[in-house]
């Protein structure tokens, strides 16, 4: 991928996952090209790449919008995380992976001065937990699912996290540091299930 396209892609993706470009936002090629000081071609290529990750939707004659997840879509994303993330963490702990980056991310989350910084640190914490699972395809899949959680309309938790999330993260890190693969995987599963119960199923009929 040409460097200009890669730069545009990375910047737009970051703006989406950090909620600067919120779900439903229209992304205008000419406006973005002007902001980046490039032609429309790198922008168009970047948006096509983002469409493949399901972060944006390209509609003929309408343009590109940041994807809006329905309740059903959101539950699907978290269901996939439930299926994959605990096992990825279990494998990483069992393999003796280095979790120092996860610890640093948790420290950054605790020190965060604003909502965006805290949200990024929490995302990095989860990514660092499964990064050492030994399966690059599994890591890429989980990275994509993690990015899509930014599209969940109820994800205000990332900006105002409850004490439950903070305590759960700390407990997971304790199990990881202790080398308890099954225990860490179990806590990750309960953590994701707890988020779904608190934020996605609350007030729903499912």
C-alpha atoms as a PDB file:
ATOM      1  CA  UNK A   1       0.000   0.000   0.000  1.00  0.00           C
ATOM      2  CA  UNK A   2       1.452   3.413  -0.979  1.00  0.00           C
ATOM      3  CA  UNK A   3       2.656   5.470   1.985  1.00  0.00           C
ATOM      4  CA  UNK A   4       0.140   8.277   1.402  1.00  0.00           C
ATOM      5  CA  UNK A   5      -2.759   5.849   1.355  1.00  0.00           C
ATOM      6  CA  UNK A   6      -1.431   4.094   4.450  1.00  0.00           C
ATOM      7  CA  UNK A   7      -1.140   7.405   6.318  1.00  0.00           C
ATOM      8  CA  UNK A   8      -4.675   8.439   5.363  1.00  0.00           C
ATOM      9  CA  UNK A   9      -6.011   5.002   6.296  1.00  0.00           C
ATOM     10  CA  UNK A  10      -4.339   4.973   9.708  1.00  0.00           C
ATOM     11  CA  UNK A  11      -5.504   8.502  10.528  1.00  0.00           C
ATOM     12  CA  UNK A  12      -9.137   7.940   9.526  1.00  0.00           C
ATOM     13  CA  UNK A  13      -9.218   4.585  11.323  1.00  0.00           C
ATOM     14  CA  UNK A  14      -7.874   6.194  14.504  1.00  0.00           C
ATOM     15  CA  UNK A  15     -10.489   8.954  14.258  1.00  0.00           C
ATOM     16  CA  UNK A  16     -13.242   6.338  14.025  1.00  0.00           C
ATOM     17  CA  UNK A  17     -12.104   4.075  16.856  1.00  0.00           C
ATOM     18  CA  UNK A  18     -11.487   7.099  19.119  1.00  0.00           C
ATOM     19  CA  UNK A  19     -14.993   8.425  18.328  1.00  0.00           C
ATOM     20  CA  UNK A  20     -13.843  11.628  16.628  1.00  0.00           C
ATOM     21  CA  UNK A  21     -15.754  10.354  13.600  1.00  0.00           C
ATOM     22  CA  UNK A  22     -18.881   8.968  15.203  1.00  0.00           C
ATOM     23  CA  UNK A  23     -21.215   6.329  13.741  1.00  0.00           C
ATOM     24  CA  UNK A  24     -23.367   7.876  11.007  1.00  0.00           C
ATOM     25  CA  UNK A  25     -20.798  10.550  10.115  1.00  0.00           C
ATOM     26  CA  UNK A  26     -20.490  11.169   6.368  1.00  0.00           C
ATOM     27  CA  UNK A  27     -16.891  11.070   5.134  1.00  0.00           C
ATOM     28  CA  UNK A  28     -16.509  13.329   2.103  1.00  0.00           C
ATOM     29  CA  UNK A  29     -13.568  12.440  -0.141  1.00  0.00           C
ATOM     30  CA  UNK A  30     -12.861  16.012  -1.255  1.00  0.00           C
ATOM     31  CA  UNK A  31     -12.924  17.328   2.322  1.00  0.00           C
ATOM     32  CA  UNK A  32     -10.600  14.596   3.556  1.00  0.00           C
ATOM     33  CA  UNK A  33      -8.258  15.094   0.605  1.00  0.00           C
ATOM     34  CA  UNK A  34      -8.026  18.775   1.505  1.00  0.00           C
ATOM     35  CA  UNK A  35      -7.311  18.005   5.154  1.00  0.00           C
ATOM     36  CA  UNK A  36      -4.522  15.583   4.246  1.00  0.00           C
ATOM     37  CA  UNK A  37      -3.144  17.633   1.364  1.00  0.00           C
ATOM     38  CA  UNK A  38      -3.479  14.747  -1.080  1.00  0.00           C
ATOM     39  CA  UNK A  39      -5.540  13.920  -4.160  1.00  0.00           C
ATOM     40  CA  UNK A  40      -8.804  12.000  -3.847  1.00  0.00           C
ATOM     41  CA  UNK A  41      -7.158   8.749  -4.913  1.00  0.00           C
ATOM     42  CA  UNK A  42      -5.382   7.901  -1.598  1.00  0.00           C
ATOM     43  CA  UNK A  43      -8.551   8.857   0.281  1.00  0.00           C
ATOM     44  CA  UNK A  44     -10.715   6.673  -1.959  1.00  0.00           C
ATOM     45  CA  UNK A  45      -8.317   3.722  -1.537  1.00  0.00           C
ATOM     46  CA  UNK A  46      -8.229   4.203   2.237  1.00  0.00           C
ATOM     47  CA  UNK A  47     -12.021   4.261   2.465  1.00  0.00           C
ATOM     48  CA  UNK A  48     -12.252   1.064   0.412  1.00  0.00           C
ATOM     49  CA  UNK A  49      -9.818  -0.600   2.820  1.00  0.00           C
ATOM     50  CA  UNK A  50     -11.907   0.577   5.774  1.00  0.00           C
ATOM     51  CA  UNK A  51     -15.016  -0.836   4.118  1.00  0.00           C
ATOM     52  CA  UNK A  52     -13.354  -4.262   4.097  1.00  0.00           C
ATOM     53  CA  UNK A  53     -12.936  -4.024   7.893  1.00  0.00           C
ATOM     54  CA  UNK A  54     -16.601  -2.982   8.235  1.00  0.00           C
ATOM     55  CA  UNK A  55     -15.776   0.333   9.882  1.00  0.00           C
ATOM     56  CA  UNK A  56     -17.412   2.291   7.062  1.00  0.00           C
ATOM     57  CA  UNK A  57     -20.159   1.696   4.517  1.00  0.00           C
ATOM     58  CA  UNK A  58     -19.802   2.971   0.930  1.00  0.00           C
ATOM     59  CA  UNK A  59     -23.169   3.661  -0.692  1.00  0.00           C
ATOM     60  CA  UNK A  60     -23.505   4.496  -4.409  1.00  0.00           C
ATOM     61  CA  UNK A  61     -24.649   8.065  -5.016  1.00  0.00           C
ATOM     62  CA  UNK A  62     -24.662   8.715  -1.267  1.00  0.00           C
ATOM     63  CA  UNK A  63     -21.032   8.468  -0.221  1.00  0.00           C
ATOM     64  CA  UNK A  64     -19.181   6.923   2.674  1.00  0.00           C
ATOM     65  CA  UNK A  65     -20.504   6.883   6.218  1.00  0.00           C
ATOM     66  CA  UNK A  66     -19.067   5.560   9.449  1.00  0.00           C
ATOM     67  CA  UNK A  67     -20.931   2.331  10.100  1.00  0.00           C
ATOM     68  CA  UNK A  68     -23.769   2.325  12.607  1.00  0.00           C
ATOM     69  CA  UNK A  69     -24.219  -0.949  14.454  1.00  0.00           C
ATOM     70  CA  UNK A  70     -27.702  -2.206  15.276  1.00  0.00           C
ATOM     71  CA  UNK A  71     -28.258  -3.862  18.648  1.00  0.00           C
ATOM     72  CA  UNK A  72     -28.115  -7.212  16.870  1.00  0.00           C
ATOM     73  CA  UNK A  73     -24.818  -6.295  15.183  1.00  0.00           C
ATOM     74  CA  UNK A  74     -23.326  -5.182  18.499  1.00  0.00           C
ATOM     75  CA  UNK A  75     -24.327  -8.404  20.226  1.00  0.00           C
ATOM     76  CA  UNK A  76     -22.773 -10.316  17.324  1.00  0.00           C
ATOM     77  CA  UNK A  77     -19.445  -8.518  17.759  1.00  0.00           C
ATOM     78  CA  UNK A  78     -19.327  -9.296  21.460  1.00  0.00           C
ATOM     79  CA  UNK A  79     -20.441 -12.882  20.877  1.00  0.00           C
ATOM     80  CA  UNK A  80     -17.438 -13.333  18.576  1.00  0.00           C
ATOM     81  CA  UNK A  81     -15.175 -11.845  21.225  1.00  0.00           C
ATOM     82  CA  UNK A  82     -16.588 -14.295  23.747  1.00  0.00           C
ATOM     83  CA  UNK A  83     -15.784 -17.177  21.430  1.00  0.00           C
ATOM     84  CA  UNK A  84     -12.223 -16.081  20.626  1.00  0.00           C
ATOM     85  CA  UNK A  85     -10.706 -13.705  23.172  1.00  0.00           C
ATOM     86  CA  UNK A  86     -10.663 -15.932  26.300  1.00  0.00           C
ATOM     87  CA  UNK A  87      -8.962 -18.717  24.360  1.00  0.00           C
ATOM     88  CA  UNK A  88      -6.416 -16.310  22.874  1.00  0.00           C
ATOM     89  CA  UNK A  89      -5.550 -15.019  26.354  1.00  0.00           C
ATOM     90  CA  UNK A  90      -5.369 -18.583  27.717  1.00  0.00           C
ATOM     91  CA  UNK A  91      -2.911 -19.557  24.975  1.00  0.00           C
ATOM     92  CA  UNK A  92      -0.762 -16.492  25.590  1.00  0.00           C
ATOM     93  CA  UNK A  93      -0.511 -17.144  29.329  1.00  0.00           C
ATOM     94  CA  UNK A  94       0.175 -20.844  28.772  1.00  0.00           C
ATOM     95  CA  UNK A  95       2.966 -19.939  26.351  1.00  0.00           C
ATOM     96  CA  UNK A  96       4.580 -17.557  28.833  1.00  0.00           C
ATOM     97  CA  UNK A  97       3.966 -14.453  26.714  1.00  0.00           C
ATOM     98  CA  UNK A  98       5.212 -11.064  27.873  1.00  0.00           C
ATOM     99  CA  UNK A  99       2.335  -9.050  29.368  1.00  0.00           C
ATOM    100  CA  UNK A 100       4.332  -5.982  30.385  1.00  0.00           C
ATOM    101  CA  UNK A 101       2.568  -3.919  27.708  1.00  0.00           C
ATOM    102  CA  UNK A 102      -0.791  -4.871  29.226  1.00  0.00           C
ATOM    103  CA  UNK A 103       0.408  -3.688  32.624  1.00  0.00           C
ATOM    104  CA  UNK A 104       1.592  -0.382  31.168  1.00  0.00           C
ATOM    105  CA  UNK A 105      -1.730   0.106  29.390  1.00  0.00           C
ATOM    106  CA  UNK A 106      -3.616  -0.435  32.644  1.00  0.00           C
ATOM    107  CA  UNK A 107      -1.393   2.131  34.363  1.00  0.00           C
ATOM    108  CA  UNK A 108      -2.073   4.606  31.543  1.00  0.00           C
ATOM    109  CA  UNK A 109      -5.807   4.048  31.913  1.00  0.00           C
ATOM    110  CA  UNK A 110      -5.610   4.823  35.631  1.00  0.00           C
ATOM    111  CA  UNK A 111      -3.618   8.023  35.000  1.00  0.00           C
ATOM    112  CA  UNK A 112      -5.626   9.155  31.973  1.00  0.00           C
ATOM    113  CA  UNK A 113      -6.464  12.816  32.010  1.00  0.00           C
ATOM    114  CA  UNK A 114      -9.376  12.622  29.611  1.00  0.00           C
ATOM    115  CA  UNK A 115     -11.905  10.206  28.198  1.00  0.00           C
ATOM    116  CA  UNK A 116     -10.146   9.649  24.862  1.00  0.00           C
ATOM    117  CA  UNK A 117      -6.821   8.800  26.497  1.00  0.00           C
ATOM    118  CA  UNK A 118      -8.521   6.364  28.883  1.00  0.00           C
ATOM    119  CA  UNK A 119     -10.432   4.715  26.050  1.00  0.00           C
ATOM    120  CA  UNK A 120      -7.246   4.176  24.021  1.00  0.00           C
ATOM    121  CA  UNK A 121      -5.432   2.732  27.046  1.00  0.00           C
ATOM    122  CA  UNK A 122      -8.269   0.292  27.750  1.00  0.00           C
ATOM    123  CA  UNK A 123      -8.287  -0.836  24.110  1.00  0.00           C
ATOM    124  CA  UNK A 124      -4.514  -1.308  24.252  1.00  0.00           C
ATOM    125  CA  UNK A 125      -4.901  -3.381  27.427  1.00  0.00           C
ATOM    126  CA  UNK A 126      -7.190  -5.862  25.717  1.00  0.00           C
ATOM    127  CA  UNK A 127      -4.962  -5.995  22.638  1.00  0.00           C
ATOM    128  CA  UNK A 128      -1.878  -6.697  24.738  1.00  0.00           C
ATOM    129  CA  UNK A 129      -3.649  -9.551  26.518  1.00  0.00           C
ATOM    130  CA  UNK A 130      -4.209 -11.591  23.376  1.00  0.00           C
ATOM    131  CA  UNK A 131      -1.213 -10.428  21.310  1.00  0.00           C
ATOM    132  CA  UNK A 132       0.953 -13.333  22.465  1.00  0.00           C
ATOM    133  CA  UNK A 133      -1.481 -16.119  21.600  1.00  0.00           C
ATOM    134  CA  UNK A 134       0.807 -17.405  18.825  1.00  0.00           C
ATOM    135  CA  UNK A 135      -1.740 -17.158  16.016  1.00  0.00           C
ATOM    136  CA  UNK A 136      -1.412 -14.010  13.846  1.00  0.00           C
ATOM    137  CA  UNK A 137      -4.769 -14.630  12.150  1.00  0.00           C
ATOM    138  CA  UNK A 138      -6.504 -14.820  15.521  1.00  0.00           C
ATOM    139  CA  UNK A 139      -4.811 -11.579  16.577  1.00  0.00           C
ATOM    140  CA  UNK A 140      -5.925  -9.780  13.397  1.00  0.00           C
ATOM    141  CA  UNK A 141      -9.478 -11.060  13.826  1.00  0.00           C
ATOM    142  CA  UNK A 142      -9.617  -9.845  17.412  1.00  0.00           C
ATOM    143  CA  UNK A 143      -8.088  -6.503  16.414  1.00  0.00           C
ATOM    144  CA  UNK A 144     -10.923  -6.062  13.913  1.00  0.00           C
ATOM    145  CA  UNK A 145     -13.558  -6.976  16.489  1.00  0.00           C
ATOM    146  CA  UNK A 146     -11.964  -4.621  18.990  1.00  0.00           C
ATOM    147  CA  UNK A 147     -12.127  -1.794  16.438  1.00  0.00           C
ATOM    148  CA  UNK A 148     -15.795  -2.493  15.777  1.00  0.00           C
ATOM    149  CA  UNK A 149     -16.617  -2.099  19.466  1.00  0.00           C
ATOM    150  CA  UNK A 150     -15.948   1.618  18.906  1.00  0.00           C
ATOM    151  CA  UNK A 151     -19.070   1.646  16.742  1.00  0.00           C
ATOM    152  CA  UNK A 152     -21.333   0.422  19.518  1.00  0.00           C
ATOM    153  CA  UNK A 153     -23.627   3.309  20.388  1.00  0.00           C
ATOM    154  CA  UNK A 154     -23.657   2.312  24.053  1.00  0.00           C
ATOM    155  CA  UNK A 155     -19.859   2.456  24.321  1.00  0.00           C
ATOM    156  CA  UNK A 156     -20.001   5.575  26.538  1.00  0.00           C
ATOM    157  CA  UNK A 157     -18.539   3.173  29.130  1.00  0.00           C
ATOM    158  CA  UNK A 158     -15.134   3.759  27.533  1.00  0.00           C
ATOM    159  CA  UNK A 159     -15.352   7.423  28.386  1.00  0.00           C
ATOM    160  CA  UNK A 160     -16.946   6.964  31.819  1.00  0.00           C
ATOM    161  CA  UNK A 161     -15.953   3.448  32.873  1.00  0.00           C
ATOM    162  CA  UNK A 162     -17.569   2.031  35.996  1.00  0.00           C
ATOM    163  CA  UNK A 163     -15.604   0.679  38.919  1.00  0.00           C
ATOM    164  CA  UNK A 164     -16.575  -2.831  37.803  1.00  0.00           C
ATOM    165  CA  UNK A 165     -14.554  -2.554  34.585  1.00  0.00           C
ATOM    166  CA  UNK A 166     -11.485  -1.148  36.363  1.00  0.00           C
ATOM    167  CA  UNK A 167     -11.553  -3.888  39.025  1.00  0.00           C
ATOM    168  CA  UNK A 168     -12.108  -6.586  36.417  1.00  0.00           C
ATOM    169  CA  UNK A 169      -9.117  -5.402  34.384  1.00  0.00           C
ATOM    170  CA  UNK A 170      -6.909  -5.467  37.486  1.00  0.00           C
ATOM    171  CA  UNK A 171      -8.088  -8.975  38.421  1.00  0.00           C
ATOM    172  CA  UNK A 172      -7.353 -10.239  34.904  1.00  0.00           C
ATOM    173  CA  UNK A 173      -3.841  -8.809  35.041  1.00  0.00           C
ATOM    174  CA  UNK A 174      -3.261 -10.503  38.411  1.00  0.00           C
ATOM    175  CA  UNK A 175      -4.191 -13.920  36.964  1.00  0.00           C
ATOM    176  CA  UNK A 176      -2.038 -13.303  33.898  1.00  0.00           C
ATOM    177  CA  UNK A 177       0.973 -12.377  36.041  1.00  0.00           C
ATOM    178  CA  UNK A 178       0.409 -15.470  38.165  1.00  0.00           C
ATOM    179  CA  UNK A 179       0.586 -17.647  35.061  1.00  0.00           C
ATOM    180  CA  UNK A 180      -2.939 -18.960  35.629  1.00  0.00           C
ATOM    181  CA  UNK A 181      -4.024 -19.543  32.017  1.00  0.00           C
ATOM    182  CA  UNK A 182      -7.452 -21.005  32.754  1.00  0.00           C
ATOM    183  CA  UNK A 183      -8.162 -18.490  35.492  1.00  0.00           C
ATOM    184  CA  UNK A 184      -7.248 -15.556  33.249  1.00  0.00           C
ATOM    185  CA  UNK A 185      -9.390 -16.918  30.417  1.00  0.00           C
ATOM    186  CA  UNK A 186     -12.331 -17.344  32.775  1.00  0.00           C
ATOM    187  CA  UNK A 187     -12.050 -13.768  34.026  1.00  0.00           C
ATOM    188  CA  UNK A 188     -11.834 -12.431  30.462  1.00  0.00           C
ATOM    189  CA  UNK A 189     -15.011 -14.345  29.595  1.00  0.00           C
ATOM    190  CA  UNK A 190     -16.852 -13.001  32.646  1.00  0.00           C
ATOM    191  CA  UNK A 191     -15.578  -9.496  31.907  1.00  0.00           C
ATOM    192  CA  UNK A 192     -17.022  -9.534  28.385  1.00  0.00           C
ATOM    193  CA  UNK A 193     -20.252 -11.176  29.564  1.00  0.00           C
ATOM    194  CA  UNK A 194     -20.556  -8.522  32.272  1.00  0.00           C
ATOM    195  CA  UNK A 195     -20.173  -5.709  29.738  1.00  0.00           C
ATOM    196  CA  UNK A 196     -22.897  -7.210  27.557  1.00  0.00           C
ATOM    197  CA  UNK A 197     -25.240  -7.587  30.550  1.00  0.00           C
ATOM    198  CA  UNK A 198     -24.585  -4.054  31.836  1.00  0.00           C
ATOM    199  CA  UNK A 199     -24.567  -2.128  28.573  1.00  0.00           C
ATOM    200  CA  UNK A 200     -25.997  -4.063  25.644  1.00  0.00           C
ATOM    201  CA  UNK A 201     -28.829  -6.130  27.086  1.00  0.00           C
ATOM    202  CA  UNK A 202     -29.922  -3.542  29.637  1.00  0.00           C
ATOM    203  CA  UNK A 203     -33.340  -2.355  28.681  1.00  0.00           C
ATOM    204  CA  UNK A 204     -33.534  -4.702  25.670  1.00  0.00           C
ATOM    205  CA  UNK A 205     -36.054  -7.476  25.141  1.00  0.00           C
ATOM    206  CA  UNK A 206     -33.390 -10.104  24.388  1.00  0.00           C
END
